[in-house]
Amino acid sequence: MTDTSGKSGAPLRLHGAASTVDGLVRLHAEAVQRRTGLALAVDRSNAGKGLADLVQGRCDLALASASLEATVSAARAAGLAGELPDLRLHVVATSEVVFVVHPSNPVKALTWEQLRDVHTGKVARWSDLGGRDQPIAVFTDAAASATRALVRQVVLGGAEYGPGAVALAAVKDVNERVAATLAAIGALGLEFVDPARVAVVQTRKVERPLAFVSIGPPAPEAQRVIDAFRDAASGGR
């Protein structure tokens, strides 16, 4: 998404998390551009790629949807190597990660311990959780996504995903694959859930930030954009 209408100079480049683009940037970009007088050029990918782009000088701010630790982990998965600069996370709003299953699945609630065991492969059949006697199909967001890294950090307690967990190309694909697979489970941002096609599992809330990442203190124009998005997301309060 690039909008330079009525703006002069090079646009401010925002690269990264699809969740932050869909849950924050697209909702308020027009108002932020009016308020700041700056054009925004948005590249919607994932948090790992966005952070790699920031470190490599391809954008002005990265978009993140998890802690800085989880975002760095996602960037490492995207191929970022070497020592990192002074990265700073600027939280603007919050969102939620949820776990979804096929609507026909009789399992409607899981503890974090059960979710950890499912995603690490310790529990491999739904019958062990009160469901049908069939193998569990685990789908995750892309390996370089902050959503996958956040679930690993918060719910899995840092444990690795099991070898059977399938990382998909994009977060929206999690909803699609779970909707088409009777024995599936997947984690995704609440904003990507289609409640007509998948069922959200009841569990403890997994909250996450919608944020920008800068190298050191943001440049003045970048700070104006961050402040404008924060104000817009809070309703001007």
C-alpha atoms as a PDB file:
ATOM      1  CA  MET A   1       0.000   0.000   0.000  1.00  0.00           C
ATOM      2  CA  THR A   2       1.537   3.306  -1.089  1.00  0.00           C
ATOM      3  CA  ASP A   3      -0.236   6.644  -0.927  1.00  0.00           C
ATOM      4  CA  THR A   4       1.659   9.766  -1.953  1.00  0.00           C
ATOM      5  CA  SER A   5      -1.298  11.871  -3.099  1.00  0.00           C
ATOM      6  CA  GLY A   6      -0.877  15.499  -2.155  1.00  0.00           C
ATOM      7  CA  LYS A   7       2.429  14.822  -0.370  1.00  0.00           C
ATOM      8  CA  SER A   8       5.901  16.048  -1.257  1.00  0.00           C
ATOM      9  CA  GLY A   9       9.230  14.326  -0.752  1.00  0.00           C
ATOM     10  CA  ALA A  10      10.047  10.663  -0.314  1.00  0.00           C
ATOM     11  CA  PRO A  11       7.430   8.637   1.576  1.00  0.00           C
ATOM     12  CA  LEU A  12       8.152   7.184   5.006  1.00  0.00           C
ATOM     13  CA  ARG A  13       8.632   3.447   4.491  1.00  0.00           C
ATOM     14  CA  LEU A  14       6.849   1.052   6.867  1.00  0.00           C
ATOM     15  CA  HIS A  15       7.633  -2.647   6.352  1.00  0.00           C
ATOM     16  CA  GLY A  16       6.567  -5.752   8.224  1.00  0.00           C
ATOM     17  CA  ALA A  17       3.852  -7.543  10.139  1.00  0.00           C
ATOM     18  CA  ALA A  18       0.600  -8.181   8.276  1.00  0.00           C
ATOM     19  CA  SER A  19      -1.247  -8.040  11.592  1.00  0.00           C
ATOM     20  CA  THR A  20      -0.028  -4.512  12.253  1.00  0.00           C
ATOM     21  CA  VAL A  21      -0.807  -3.436   8.692  1.00  0.00           C
ATOM     22  CA  ASP A  22      -4.345  -4.833   8.818  1.00  0.00           C
ATOM     23  CA  GLY A  23      -5.102  -4.075  12.465  1.00  0.00           C
ATOM     24  CA  LEU A  24      -3.570  -0.601  12.662  1.00  0.00           C
ATOM     25  CA  VAL A  25      -1.923   0.966   9.627  1.00  0.00           C
ATOM     26  CA  ARG A  26      -4.679   0.520   7.043  1.00  0.00           C
ATOM     27  CA  LEU A  27      -7.309   1.694   9.505  1.00  0.00           C
ATOM     28  CA  HIS A  28      -5.592   4.998  10.243  1.00  0.00           C
ATOM     29  CA  ALA A  29      -3.141   5.688   7.387  1.00  0.00           C
ATOM     30  CA  GLU A  30      -5.290   8.360   5.754  1.00  0.00           C
ATOM     31  CA  ALA A  31      -5.768  10.273   9.002  1.00  0.00           C
ATOM     32  CA  VAL A  32      -2.073   9.980   9.876  1.00  0.00           C
ATOM     33  CA  GLN A  33      -1.024  11.288   6.460  1.00  0.00           C
ATOM     34  CA  ARG A  34      -3.383  14.260   6.805  1.00  0.00           C
ATOM     35  CA  ARG A  35      -2.157  15.023  10.303  1.00  0.00           C
ATOM     36  CA  THR A  36       1.568  14.734   9.597  1.00  0.00           C
ATOM     37  CA  GLY A  37       1.678  15.864   5.969  1.00  0.00           C
ATOM     38  CA  LEU A  38       3.833  12.820   5.242  1.00  0.00           C
ATOM     39  CA  ALA A  39       3.246  10.113   2.668  1.00  0.00           C
ATOM     40  CA  LEU A  40       3.428   6.488   3.804  1.00  0.00           C
ATOM     41  CA  ALA A  41       4.735   3.587   1.726  1.00  0.00           C
ATOM     42  CA  VAL A  42       3.663   0.324   3.353  1.00  0.00           C
ATOM     43  CA  ASP A  43       5.059  -3.111   2.547  1.00  0.00           C
ATOM     44  CA  ARG A  44       2.884  -5.852   4.065  1.00  0.00           C
ATOM     45  CA  SER A  45       4.894  -9.033   4.706  1.00  0.00           C
ATOM     46  CA  ASN A  46       5.764 -10.359   8.161  1.00  0.00           C
ATOM     47  CA  ALA A  47       7.561  -9.069  11.224  1.00  0.00           C
ATOM     48  CA  GLY A  48      10.786 -10.964  10.536  1.00  0.00           C
ATOM     49  CA  LYS A  49      11.165  -9.579   7.032  1.00  0.00           C
ATOM     50  CA  GLY A  50      10.220  -6.104   8.218  1.00  0.00           C
ATOM     51  CA  LEU A  51      12.916  -6.090  10.896  1.00  0.00           C
ATOM     52  CA  ALA A  52      15.473  -7.432   8.432  1.00  0.00           C
ATOM     53  CA  ASP A  53      14.513  -4.625   6.037  1.00  0.00           C
ATOM     54  CA  LEU A  54      14.981  -2.064   8.819  1.00  0.00           C
ATOM     55  CA  VAL A  55      18.425  -3.347   9.798  1.00  0.00           C
ATOM     56  CA  GLN A  56      19.467  -3.480   6.142  1.00  0.00           C
ATOM     57  CA  GLY A  57      18.274   0.060   5.439  1.00  0.00           C
ATOM     58  CA  ARG A  58      15.304  -0.763   3.227  1.00  0.00           C
ATOM     59  CA  CYS A  59      12.683   0.939   5.407  1.00  0.00           C
ATOM     60  CA  ASP A  60      12.381   3.683   8.005  1.00  0.00           C
ATOM     61  CA  LEU A  61      10.289   1.788  10.577  1.00  0.00           C
ATOM     62  CA  ALA A  62       9.553  -1.914  10.947  1.00  0.00           C
ATOM     63  CA  LEU A  63       6.085  -3.132  11.880  1.00  0.00           C
ATOM     64  CA  ALA A  64       5.880  -5.661  14.700  1.00  0.00           C
ATOM     65  CA  SER A  65       3.091  -7.674  16.304  1.00  0.00           C
ATOM     66  CA  ALA A  66       4.978  -9.271  19.195  1.00  0.00           C
ATOM     67  CA  SER A  67       7.659  -8.481  21.741  1.00  0.00           C
ATOM     68  CA  LEU A  68      11.028  -7.276  20.486  1.00  0.00           C
ATOM     69  CA  GLU A  69      12.510 -10.648  21.490  1.00  0.00           C
ATOM     70  CA  ALA A  70       9.960 -12.558  19.416  1.00  0.00           C
ATOM     71  CA  THR A  71      10.376 -10.148  16.507  1.00  0.00           C
ATOM     72  CA  VAL A  72      14.152 -10.630  16.517  1.00  0.00           C
ATOM     73  CA  SER A  73      13.602 -14.401  16.595  1.00  0.00           C
ATOM     74  CA  ALA A  74      11.341 -14.056  13.552  1.00  0.00           C
ATOM     75  CA  ALA A  75      13.969 -11.962  11.764  1.00  0.00           C
ATOM     76  CA  ARG A  76      16.608 -14.595  12.473  1.00  0.00           C
ATOM     77  CA  ALA A  77      14.266 -17.145  10.899  1.00  0.00           C
ATOM     78  CA  ALA A  78      14.037 -14.823   7.891  1.00  0.00           C
ATOM     79  CA  GLY A  79      17.826 -15.007   7.525  1.00  0.00           C
ATOM     80  CA  LEU A  80      18.999 -11.953   9.461  1.00  0.00           C
ATOM     81  CA  ALA A  81      22.458 -12.642  10.875  1.00  0.00           C
ATOM     82  CA  GLY A  82      25.123 -10.771  12.782  1.00  0.00           C
ATOM     83  CA  GLU A  83      25.086  -8.255  15.591  1.00  0.00           C
ATOM     84  CA  LEU A  84      21.974  -6.114  15.825  1.00  0.00           C
ATOM     85  CA  PRO A  85      21.830  -2.335  16.277  1.00  0.00           C
ATOM     86  CA  ASP A  86      19.994  -0.520  19.071  1.00  0.00           C
ATOM     87  CA  LEU A  87      16.446  -1.699  18.311  1.00  0.00           C
ATOM     88  CA  ARG A  88      13.573   0.023  20.085  1.00  0.00           C
ATOM     89  CA  LEU A  89       9.936  -1.092  20.206  1.00  0.00           C
ATOM     90  CA  HIS A  90       7.186   1.542  20.203  1.00  0.00           C
ATOM     91  CA  VAL A  91       3.830   0.034  21.160  1.00  0.00           C
ATOM     92  CA  VAL A  92       0.840   1.835  19.669  1.00  0.00           C
ATOM     93  CA  ALA A  93      -2.064  -0.567  20.301  1.00  0.00           C
ATOM     94  CA  THR A  94      -2.745  -4.168  21.305  1.00  0.00           C
ATOM     95  CA  SER A  95      -4.324  -7.151  19.628  1.00  0.00           C
ATOM     96  CA  GLU A  96      -4.933 -10.812  20.459  1.00  0.00           C
ATOM     97  CA  VAL A  97      -3.686 -14.141  19.130  1.00  0.00           C
ATOM     98  CA  VAL A  98      -6.239 -16.960  19.229  1.00  0.00           C
ATOM     99  CA  PHE A  99      -6.246 -20.663  18.410  1.00  0.00           C
ATOM    100  CA  VAL A 100      -8.799 -21.976  15.949  1.00  0.00           C
ATOM    101  CA  VAL A 101     -10.095 -25.431  15.033  1.00  0.00           C
ATOM    102  CA  HIS A 102     -12.554 -26.802  12.503  1.00  0.00           C
ATOM    103  CA  PRO A 103     -16.142 -25.998  13.582  1.00  0.00           C
ATOM    104  CA  SER A 104     -16.980 -29.721  13.770  1.00  0.00           C
ATOM    105  CA  ASN A 105     -14.245 -30.370  16.342  1.00  0.00           C
ATOM    106  CA  PRO A 106     -15.838 -31.268  19.710  1.00  0.00           C
ATOM    107  CA  VAL A 107     -12.833 -29.858  21.594  1.00  0.00           C
ATOM    108  CA  LYS A 108     -13.837 -26.296  22.444  1.00  0.00           C
ATOM    109  CA  ALA A 109     -11.378 -25.363  25.232  1.00  0.00           C
ATOM    110  CA  LEU A 110      -7.696 -26.066  25.914  1.00  0.00           C
ATOM    111  CA  THR A 111      -5.253 -24.976  28.600  1.00  0.00           C
ATOM    112  CA  TRP A 112      -1.919 -23.423  27.690  1.00  0.00           C
ATOM    113  CA  GLU A 113      -0.259 -26.654  28.839  1.00  0.00           C
ATOM    114  CA  GLN A 114      -2.417 -28.645  26.414  1.00  0.00           C
ATOM    115  CA  LEU A 115      -1.699 -26.172  23.625  1.00  0.00           C
ATOM    116  CA  ARG A 116       2.018 -26.459  24.332  1.00  0.00           C
ATOM    117  CA  ASP A 117       1.854 -30.246  24.189  1.00  0.00           C
ATOM    118  CA  VAL A 118      -0.078 -30.117  20.909  1.00  0.00           C
ATOM    119  CA  HIS A 119       2.314 -27.697  19.238  1.00  0.00           C
ATOM    120  CA  THR A 120       5.471 -29.450  20.428  1.00  0.00           C
ATOM    121  CA  GLY A 121       4.113 -32.835  19.318  1.00  0.00           C
ATOM    122  CA  LYS A 122       3.863 -34.340  22.796  1.00  0.00           C
ATOM    123  CA  VAL A 123       0.115 -34.813  22.246  1.00  0.00           C
ATOM    124  CA  ALA A 124      -0.530 -35.991  18.706  1.00  0.00           C
ATOM    125  CA  ARG A 125      -4.153 -37.210  18.690  1.00  0.00           C
ATOM    126  CA  TRP A 126      -7.384 -35.394  19.456  1.00  0.00           C
ATOM    127  CA  SER A 127      -8.634 -38.389  21.446  1.00  0.00           C
ATOM    128  CA  ASP A 128      -6.050 -37.507  24.138  1.00  0.00           C
ATOM    129  CA  LEU A 129      -7.905 -34.221  24.588  1.00  0.00           C
ATOM    130  CA  GLY A 130     -11.453 -35.563  24.571  1.00  0.00           C
ATOM    131  CA  GLY A 131     -11.923 -35.350  20.815  1.00  0.00           C
ATOM    132  CA  ARG A 132     -12.077 -37.785  17.937  1.00  0.00           C
ATOM    133  CA  ASP A 133      -9.481 -40.491  17.457  1.00  0.00           C
ATOM    134  CA  GLN A 134      -7.544 -38.765  14.699  1.00  0.00           C
ATOM    135  CA  PRO A 135      -4.080 -37.195  14.397  1.00  0.00           C
ATOM    136  CA  ILE A 136      -3.805 -33.467  15.112  1.00  0.00           C
ATOM    137  CA  ALA A 137      -2.742 -31.291  12.172  1.00  0.00           C
ATOM    138  CA  VAL A 138      -0.880 -28.199  13.416  1.00  0.00           C
ATOM    139  CA  PHE A 139      -0.668 -25.150  11.149  1.00  0.00           C
ATOM    140  CA  THR A 140       1.268 -21.983  11.973  1.00  0.00           C
ATOM    141  CA  ASP A 141       2.019 -18.649  10.408  1.00  0.00           C
ATOM    142  CA  ALA A 142       5.235 -18.309   8.386  1.00  0.00           C
ATOM    143  CA  ALA A 143       8.499 -19.257  10.076  1.00  0.00           C
ATOM    144  CA  ALA A 144       9.554 -15.593   9.912  1.00  0.00           C
ATOM    145  CA  SER A 145       6.330 -14.300  11.474  1.00  0.00           C
ATOM    146  CA  ALA A 146       6.066 -12.738  14.902  1.00  0.00           C
ATOM    147  CA  THR A 147       2.820 -14.622  15.544  1.00  0.00           C
ATOM    148  CA  ARG A 148       4.618 -17.963  15.380  1.00  0.00           C
ATOM    149  CA  ALA A 149       7.491 -16.605  17.495  1.00  0.00           C
ATOM    150  CA  LEU A 150       5.083 -15.108  20.047  1.00  0.00           C
ATOM    151  CA  VAL A 151       3.216 -18.395  20.512  1.00  0.00           C
ATOM    152  CA  ARG A 152       6.549 -20.182  20.947  1.00  0.00           C
ATOM    153  CA  GLN A 153       7.702 -17.591  23.495  1.00  0.00           C
ATOM    154  CA  VAL A 154       4.515 -17.175  25.520  1.00  0.00           C
ATOM    155  CA  VAL A 155       2.458 -20.368  25.214  1.00  0.00           C
ATOM    156  CA  LEU A 156       5.168 -22.940  24.466  1.00  0.00           C
ATOM    157  CA  GLY A 157       7.513 -21.454  27.060  1.00  0.00           C
ATOM    158  CA  GLY A 158      10.344 -21.317  24.528  1.00  0.00           C
ATOM    159  CA  ALA A 159       9.992 -24.959  23.477  1.00  0.00           C
ATOM    160  CA  GLU A 160      10.404 -25.819  19.803  1.00  0.00           C
ATOM    161  CA  TYR A 161       7.481 -26.649  17.550  1.00  0.00           C
ATOM    162  CA  GLY A 162       7.117 -30.328  16.792  1.00  0.00           C
ATOM    163  CA  PRO A 163       8.360 -31.645  13.439  1.00  0.00           C
ATOM    164  CA  GLY A 164       4.793 -32.082  12.209  1.00  0.00           C
ATOM    165  CA  ALA A 165       3.878 -28.382  12.586  1.00  0.00           C
ATOM    166  CA  VAL A 166       3.399 -26.874   9.121  1.00  0.00           C
ATOM    167  CA  ALA A 167       4.434 -23.233   8.611  1.00  0.00           C
ATOM    168  CA  LEU A 168       2.290 -21.577   5.950  1.00  0.00           C
ATOM    169  CA  ALA A 169       3.182 -18.729   3.619  1.00  0.00           C
ATOM    170  CA  ALA A 170       0.925 -16.113   5.212  1.00  0.00           C
ATOM    171  CA  VAL A 171      -1.157 -15.668   8.346  1.00  0.00           C
ATOM    172  CA  LYS A 172      -4.474 -15.592   6.446  1.00  0.00           C
ATOM    173  CA  ASP A 173      -3.656 -19.091   5.175  1.00  0.00           C
ATOM    174  CA  VAL A 174      -4.007 -20.450   8.722  1.00  0.00           C
ATOM    175  CA  ASN A 175      -7.725 -19.684   8.707  1.00  0.00           C
ATOM    176  CA  GLU A 176      -8.077 -21.283   5.258  1.00  0.00           C
ATOM    177  CA  ARG A 177      -6.235 -24.500   6.073  1.00  0.00           C
ATOM    178  CA  VAL A 178      -8.029 -24.993   9.398  1.00  0.00           C
ATOM    179  CA  ALA A 179     -11.394 -24.368   7.726  1.00  0.00           C
ATOM    180  CA  ALA A 180     -10.571 -27.086   5.183  1.00  0.00           C
ATOM    181  CA  THR A 181      -9.056 -29.645   7.595  1.00  0.00           C
ATOM    182  CA  LEU A 182     -11.229 -31.478  10.136  1.00  0.00           C
ATOM    183  CA  ALA A 183      -8.348 -32.325  12.482  1.00  0.00           C
ATOM    184  CA  ALA A 184      -6.510 -28.980  12.298  1.00  0.00           C
ATOM    185  CA  ILE A 185      -5.524 -26.344  14.830  1.00  0.00           C
ATOM    186  CA  GLY A 186      -3.774 -23.060  14.179  1.00  0.00           C
ATOM    187  CA  ALA A 187      -2.856 -19.759  15.820  1.00  0.00           C
ATOM    188  CA  LEU A 188      -3.517 -16.395  14.202  1.00  0.00           C
ATOM    189  CA  GLY A 189      -4.441 -12.844  15.015  1.00  0.00           C
ATOM    190  CA  LEU A 190      -8.080 -12.365  15.942  1.00  0.00           C
ATOM    191  CA  GLU A 191      -8.472  -9.912  13.046  1.00  0.00           C
ATOM    192  CA  PHE A 192      -7.789 -12.747  10.553  1.00  0.00           C
ATOM    193  CA  VAL A 193     -10.405 -15.142  11.946  1.00  0.00           C
ATOM    194  CA  ASP A 194     -13.477 -15.927   9.858  1.00  0.00           C
ATOM    195  CA  PRO A 195     -15.966 -17.083  12.525  1.00  0.00           C
ATOM    196  CA  ALA A 196     -18.254 -18.517   9.858  1.00  0.00           C
ATOM    197  CA  ARG A 197     -15.600 -21.063   8.900  1.00  0.00           C
ATOM    198  CA  VAL A 198     -13.521 -21.798  12.024  1.00  0.00           C
ATOM    199  CA  ALA A 199     -14.133 -21.995  15.785  1.00  0.00           C
ATOM    200  CA  VAL A 200     -12.033 -20.134  18.337  1.00  0.00           C
ATOM    201  CA  VAL A 201     -10.747 -22.329  21.170  1.00  0.00           C
ATOM    202  CA  GLN A 202     -11.401 -21.063  24.676  1.00  0.00           C
ATOM    203  CA  THR A 203      -8.120 -20.512  26.545  1.00  0.00           C
ATOM    204  CA  ARG A 204      -6.182 -17.864  28.429  1.00  0.00           C
ATOM    205  CA  LYS A 205      -5.871 -14.629  26.496  1.00  0.00           C
ATOM    206  CA  VAL A 206      -2.715 -14.204  24.423  1.00  0.00           C
ATOM    207  CA  GLU A 207      -2.310 -10.447  24.074  1.00  0.00           C
ATOM    208  CA  ARG A 208       0.241  -8.880  21.766  1.00  0.00           C
ATOM    209  CA  PRO A 209       1.366  -5.387  20.797  1.00  0.00           C
ATOM    210  CA  LEU A 210       0.878  -3.678  17.473  1.00  0.00           C
ATOM    211  CA  ALA A 211       4.061  -1.676  17.270  1.00  0.00           C
ATOM    212  CA  PHE A 212       6.797   0.056  15.329  1.00  0.00           C
ATOM    213  CA  VAL A 213      10.503  -0.707  15.629  1.00  0.00           C
ATOM    214  CA  SER A 214      13.214   1.897  15.121  1.00  0.00           C
ATOM    215  CA  ILE A 215      17.000   1.847  15.261  1.00  0.00           C
ATOM    216  CA  GLY A 216      17.790   4.112  18.183  1.00  0.00           C
ATOM    217  CA  PRO A 217      15.460   7.038  18.813  1.00  0.00           C
ATOM    218  CA  PRO A 218      13.113   7.572  15.853  1.00  0.00           C
ATOM    219  CA  ALA A 219      13.944  10.349  13.441  1.00  0.00           C
ATOM    220  CA  PRO A 220      11.618  13.365  13.872  1.00  0.00           C
ATOM    221  CA  GLU A 221       9.365  12.427  10.929  1.00  0.00           C
ATOM    222  CA  ALA A 222       9.141   8.818  12.105  1.00  0.00           C
ATOM    223  CA  GLN A 223       8.278   9.964  15.628  1.00  0.00           C
ATOM    224  CA  ARG A 224       5.484  12.149  14.254  1.00  0.00           C
ATOM    225  CA  VAL A 225       4.033   9.143  12.460  1.00  0.00           C
ATOM    226  CA  ILE A 226       4.264   6.925  15.545  1.00  0.00           C
ATOM    227  CA  ASP A 227       2.579   9.587  17.687  1.00  0.00           C
ATOM    228  CA  ALA A 228      -0.152  10.117  15.098  1.00  0.00           C
ATOM    229  CA  PHE A 229      -0.928   6.393  14.871  1.00  0.00           C
ATOM    230  CA  ARG A 230      -0.999   6.122  18.668  1.00  0.00           C
ATOM    231  CA  ASP A 231      -3.401   9.054  18.895  1.00  0.00           C
ATOM    232  CA  ALA A 232      -5.614   7.672  16.122  1.00  0.00           C
ATOM    233  CA  ALA A 233      -5.693   4.195  17.686  1.00  0.00           C
ATOM    234  CA  SER A 234      -6.741   5.626  21.038  1.00  0.00           C
ATOM    235  CA  GLY A 235      -9.518   7.681  19.483  1.00  0.00           C
ATOM    236  CA  GLY A 236      -7.702  10.905  20.200  1.00  0.00           C
ATOM    237  CA  ARG A 237      -7.856  10.414  23.955  1.00  0.00           C
END
